[in-house]
Amino acid sequence: MGILDDECGLFDQLAGLYSGGISNIDIFLKSYDHAPYTVIRRTKENLYLEKPVLTLGLMAQSEPFEKAMHNSQFVGRGLIQRFLFAFPESRQGERKQSSPPVPESAKNAYTELITRLLSAKSADKPYILRFNRQAALYMSDYFDNIEQGLKPEGRLEFMAEWANKLYAKCVRIAGILHLCQHSHDEPIDEQTAQR
């Protein structure tokens, strides 16, 4: 499942807006690593998800972002550390009233790509993607670089909880970029690893 939210009210809901201030983020934590998730219900049948998968795309203004970053449940249980963040520069003062339409060829290529990715299936198990030798060496160097930054007084020490998940996030992104252009049975090349 995916949740795309341009107002980021999701953080308020996760913090317990509708449950008396009791936060319940278990499904979000479990779906990051596809860990089994069970809900024991009193009045209905229990819910069991074998391998939940959840994608979040949130556009937060500064206030909800700050609240989430300082929520002890979100930080202490590792929810915030599962996100990748982007802080684009403001375009205020440079915007145009109108913009050219998206070319039909770009629309078609995008639709085709998304349709292909969403319809990709393997038998009963997920695809296993592999790096070629050069890409594996590049990723190994990247891993070592992150580990160096995590040492005491390293450049990543102050955000160690987040940086500990960085390598795995990059491997996942490399896999997605690879599948956008190649078959799952081809190895991931160095150019894709660098991207």
Protein backbone atom coordinates (compact mmCIF):
# COMPACT_ATOMS: atom_id res chain seq x y z
CA MET A 1 0.00 0.00 0.00
CA GLY A 2 1.10 3.56 -0.47
CA ILE A 3 0.19 6.80 1.29
CA LEU A 4 0.86 10.11 -0.46
CA ASP A 5 -0.04 13.14 1.65
CA ASP A 6 0.64 16.77 0.75
CA GLU A 7 -0.45 18.12 4.14
CA CYS A 8 1.23 15.52 6.37
CA GLY A 9 -1.72 15.01 8.71
CA LEU A 10 -0.53 11.41 8.93
CA PHE A 11 1.98 12.34 11.64
CA ASP A 12 -0.83 13.73 13.82
CA GLN A 13 -2.83 10.54 13.35
CA LEU A 14 0.17 8.36 14.16
CA ALA A 15 0.83 10.42 17.29
CA GLY A 16 -2.66 9.49 18.55
CA LEU A 17 -4.98 12.26 17.32
CA TYR A 18 -7.93 9.84 17.17
CA SER A 19 -6.82 7.41 19.88
CA GLY A 20 -6.55 9.57 22.96
CA GLY A 21 -2.90 10.42 22.43
CA ILE A 22 -1.84 6.77 22.22
CA SER A 23 0.49 6.31 19.30
CA ASN A 24 0.33 3.12 17.24
CA ILE A 25 3.12 2.94 14.69
CA ASP A 26 3.72 -0.81 14.66
CA ILE A 27 2.43 -1.39 11.11
CA PHE A 28 4.69 1.40 9.83
CA LEU A 29 7.72 -0.11 11.56
CA LYS A 30 6.94 -3.67 10.45
CA SER A 31 6.15 -2.79 6.82
CA TYR A 32 9.56 -1.15 6.37
CA ASP A 33 11.27 -4.56 6.61
CA HIS A 34 8.28 -6.66 5.53
CA ALA A 35 8.05 -8.24 9.00
CA PRO A 36 4.87 -10.15 9.91
CA TYR A 37 2.19 -8.03 11.58
CA THR A 38 -0.70 -9.25 13.73
CA VAL A 39 -3.63 -7.38 15.25
CA ILE A 40 -5.60 -9.21 17.94
CA ARG A 41 -9.19 -7.93 17.89
CA ARG A 42 -11.85 -8.36 20.55
CA THR A 43 -14.92 -8.13 18.36
CA LYS A 44 -13.67 -9.05 14.92
CA GLU A 45 -11.46 -11.67 13.35
CA ASN A 46 -7.74 -11.20 14.01
CA LEU A 47 -5.72 -9.57 11.25
CA TYR A 48 -2.48 -11.17 10.09
CA LEU A 49 -0.25 -9.70 7.38
CA GLU A 50 2.58 -12.00 6.34
CA LYS A 51 4.75 -9.45 4.53
CA PRO A 52 3.29 -5.95 4.70
CA VAL A 53 4.78 -3.35 2.38
CA LEU A 54 4.08 0.35 2.77
CA THR A 55 5.40 3.30 0.82
CA LEU A 56 5.04 6.82 2.19
CA GLY A 57 5.45 10.08 0.31
CA LEU A 58 4.85 13.01 2.64
CA MET A 59 5.19 16.72 1.98
CA ALA A 60 5.42 18.33 5.40
CA GLN A 61 5.46 21.99 6.25
CA SER A 62 8.00 22.96 8.89
CA GLU A 63 5.65 22.73 11.89
CA PRO A 64 4.44 19.09 11.44
CA PHE A 65 7.96 18.09 10.44
CA GLU A 66 9.42 19.60 13.64
CA LYS A 67 6.71 17.94 15.76
CA ALA A 68 7.46 14.57 14.20
CA MET A 69 11.21 15.00 14.65
CA HIS A 70 10.68 15.71 18.36
CA ASN A 71 8.07 13.00 19.02
CA SER A 72 9.75 10.62 21.46
CA GLN A 73 7.76 7.62 20.17
CA PHE A 74 8.66 8.31 16.53
CA VAL A 75 12.35 8.84 17.27
CA GLY A 76 12.74 6.29 20.07
CA ARG A 77 11.16 3.47 18.10
CA GLY A 78 12.89 4.31 14.83
CA LEU A 79 10.01 5.60 12.70
CA ILE A 80 11.74 8.85 11.73
CA GLN A 81 14.96 6.99 10.93
CA ARG A 82 13.13 5.07 8.20
CA PHE A 83 12.48 8.20 6.11
CA LEU A 84 14.60 9.85 3.44
CA PHE A 85 14.33 13.64 3.54
CA ALA A 86 14.59 16.31 0.87
CA PHE A 87 14.57 20.05 1.52
CA PRO A 88 14.26 21.73 -1.89
CA GLU A 89 15.11 25.40 -2.25
CA SER A 90 12.14 27.72 -2.42
CA ARG A 91 11.17 28.91 -5.89
CA GLN A 92 9.27 31.85 -4.43
CA GLY A 93 9.86 34.96 -6.53
CA GLU A 94 10.93 32.88 -9.57
CA ARG A 95 7.69 31.08 -10.38
CA LYS A 96 5.82 31.57 -13.64
CA GLN A 97 2.06 31.98 -13.86
CA SER A 98 1.85 29.20 -16.44
CA SER A 99 4.11 26.44 -17.61
CA PRO A 100 4.30 24.48 -20.86
CA PRO A 101 2.23 21.29 -20.98
CA VAL A 102 3.97 17.99 -20.33
CA PRO A 103 4.86 16.49 -23.73
CA GLU A 104 2.65 13.58 -24.74
CA SER A 105 5.73 11.38 -25.23
CA ALA A 106 6.84 12.01 -21.61
CA LYS A 107 3.32 11.22 -20.31
CA ASN A 108 3.22 7.98 -22.29
CA ALA A 109 6.73 6.91 -21.24
CA TYR A 110 5.94 7.60 -17.57
CA THR A 111 2.62 5.72 -17.71
CA GLU A 112 4.30 2.80 -19.45
CA LEU A 113 7.10 2.64 -16.87
CA ILE A 114 4.79 2.81 -13.85
CA THR A 115 2.44 0.22 -15.35
CA ARG A 116 5.37 -2.11 -16.06
CA LEU A 117 6.80 -1.72 -12.54
CA LEU A 118 3.43 -2.28 -10.86
CA SER A 119 2.65 -5.34 -12.95
CA ALA A 120 6.06 -6.98 -12.49
CA LYS A 121 5.62 -10.32 -10.78
CA SER A 122 7.76 -13.22 -9.82
CA ALA A 123 6.34 -16.64 -9.07
CA ASP A 124 5.87 -16.95 -5.30
CA LYS A 125 8.96 -15.13 -4.17
CA PRO A 126 10.48 -11.71 -4.71
CA TYR A 127 13.12 -11.02 -7.32
CA ILE A 128 16.68 -11.38 -6.13
CA LEU A 129 18.78 -8.63 -7.67
CA ARG A 130 22.55 -8.85 -7.80
CA PHE A 131 25.29 -6.27 -8.35
CA ASN A 132 27.96 -6.91 -10.97
CA ARG A 133 31.57 -6.92 -9.74
CA GLN A 134 32.24 -3.20 -10.30
CA ALA A 135 28.94 -2.16 -8.74
CA ALA A 136 29.56 -4.45 -5.75
CA LEU A 137 32.97 -2.82 -5.21
CA TYR A 138 31.43 0.63 -5.45
CA MET A 139 28.71 -0.29 -2.92
CA SER A 140 31.30 -1.84 -0.61
CA ASP A 141 33.29 1.41 -0.65
CA TYR A 142 30.11 3.35 0.07
CA PHE A 143 29.30 1.08 3.02
CA ASP A 144 32.83 1.55 4.41
CA ASN A 145 32.47 5.32 4.00
CA ILE A 146 29.24 5.32 6.03
CA GLU A 147 30.85 3.17 8.74
CA GLN A 148 33.77 5.59 8.98
CA GLY A 149 31.31 8.44 9.45
CA LEU A 150 29.60 6.55 12.30
CA LYS A 151 32.75 6.31 14.40
CA PRO A 152 32.98 8.50 17.52
CA GLU A 153 33.34 12.11 16.35
CA GLY A 154 32.65 11.02 12.75
CA ARG A 155 30.55 13.20 10.45
CA LEU A 156 27.49 10.94 10.89
CA GLU A 157 27.76 10.32 14.63
CA PHE A 158 25.12 12.93 15.49
CA MET A 159 22.55 11.11 13.32
CA ALA A 160 23.73 7.53 13.81
CA GLU A 161 20.22 6.04 14.12
CA TRP A 162 19.29 7.45 10.71
CA ALA A 163 22.67 6.76 9.07
CA ASN A 164 22.56 3.11 10.21
CA LYS A 165 19.71 2.60 7.73
CA LEU A 166 21.26 4.66 4.93
CA TYR A 167 23.13 1.87 3.14
CA ALA A 168 20.06 -0.39 2.95
CA LYS A 169 17.99 2.52 1.61
CA CYS A 170 20.56 3.13 -1.12
CA VAL A 171 20.59 -0.56 -2.07
CA ARG A 172 16.79 -0.47 -2.38
CA ILE A 173 16.93 2.67 -4.53
CA ALA A 174 19.58 1.06 -6.76
CA GLY A 175 17.23 -1.89 -7.23
CA ILE A 176 14.33 0.37 -8.19
CA LEU A 177 16.47 2.38 -10.62
CA HIS A 178 17.74 -0.88 -12.13
CA LEU A 179 14.23 -2.24 -12.69
CA CYS A 180 13.24 1.03 -14.40
CA GLN A 181 15.66 0.22 -17.23
CA HIS A 182 16.61 -3.45 -17.02
CA SER A 183 15.27 -6.92 -16.42
CA HIS A 184 15.43 -8.42 -12.93
CA ASP A 185 17.76 -11.17 -14.13
CA GLU A 186 20.45 -8.71 -15.31
CA PRO A 187 22.96 -7.60 -12.66
CA ILE A 188 22.91 -4.03 -11.36
CA ASP A 189 25.77 -2.14 -13.03
CA GLU A 190 28.16 0.48 -11.63
CA GLN A 191 26.35 3.42 -13.26
CA THR A 192 23.11 2.46 -11.53
CA ALA A 193 24.93 1.98 -8.20
CA GLN A 194 26.44 5.45 -8.52
CA ARG A 195 23.06 7.02 -9.33
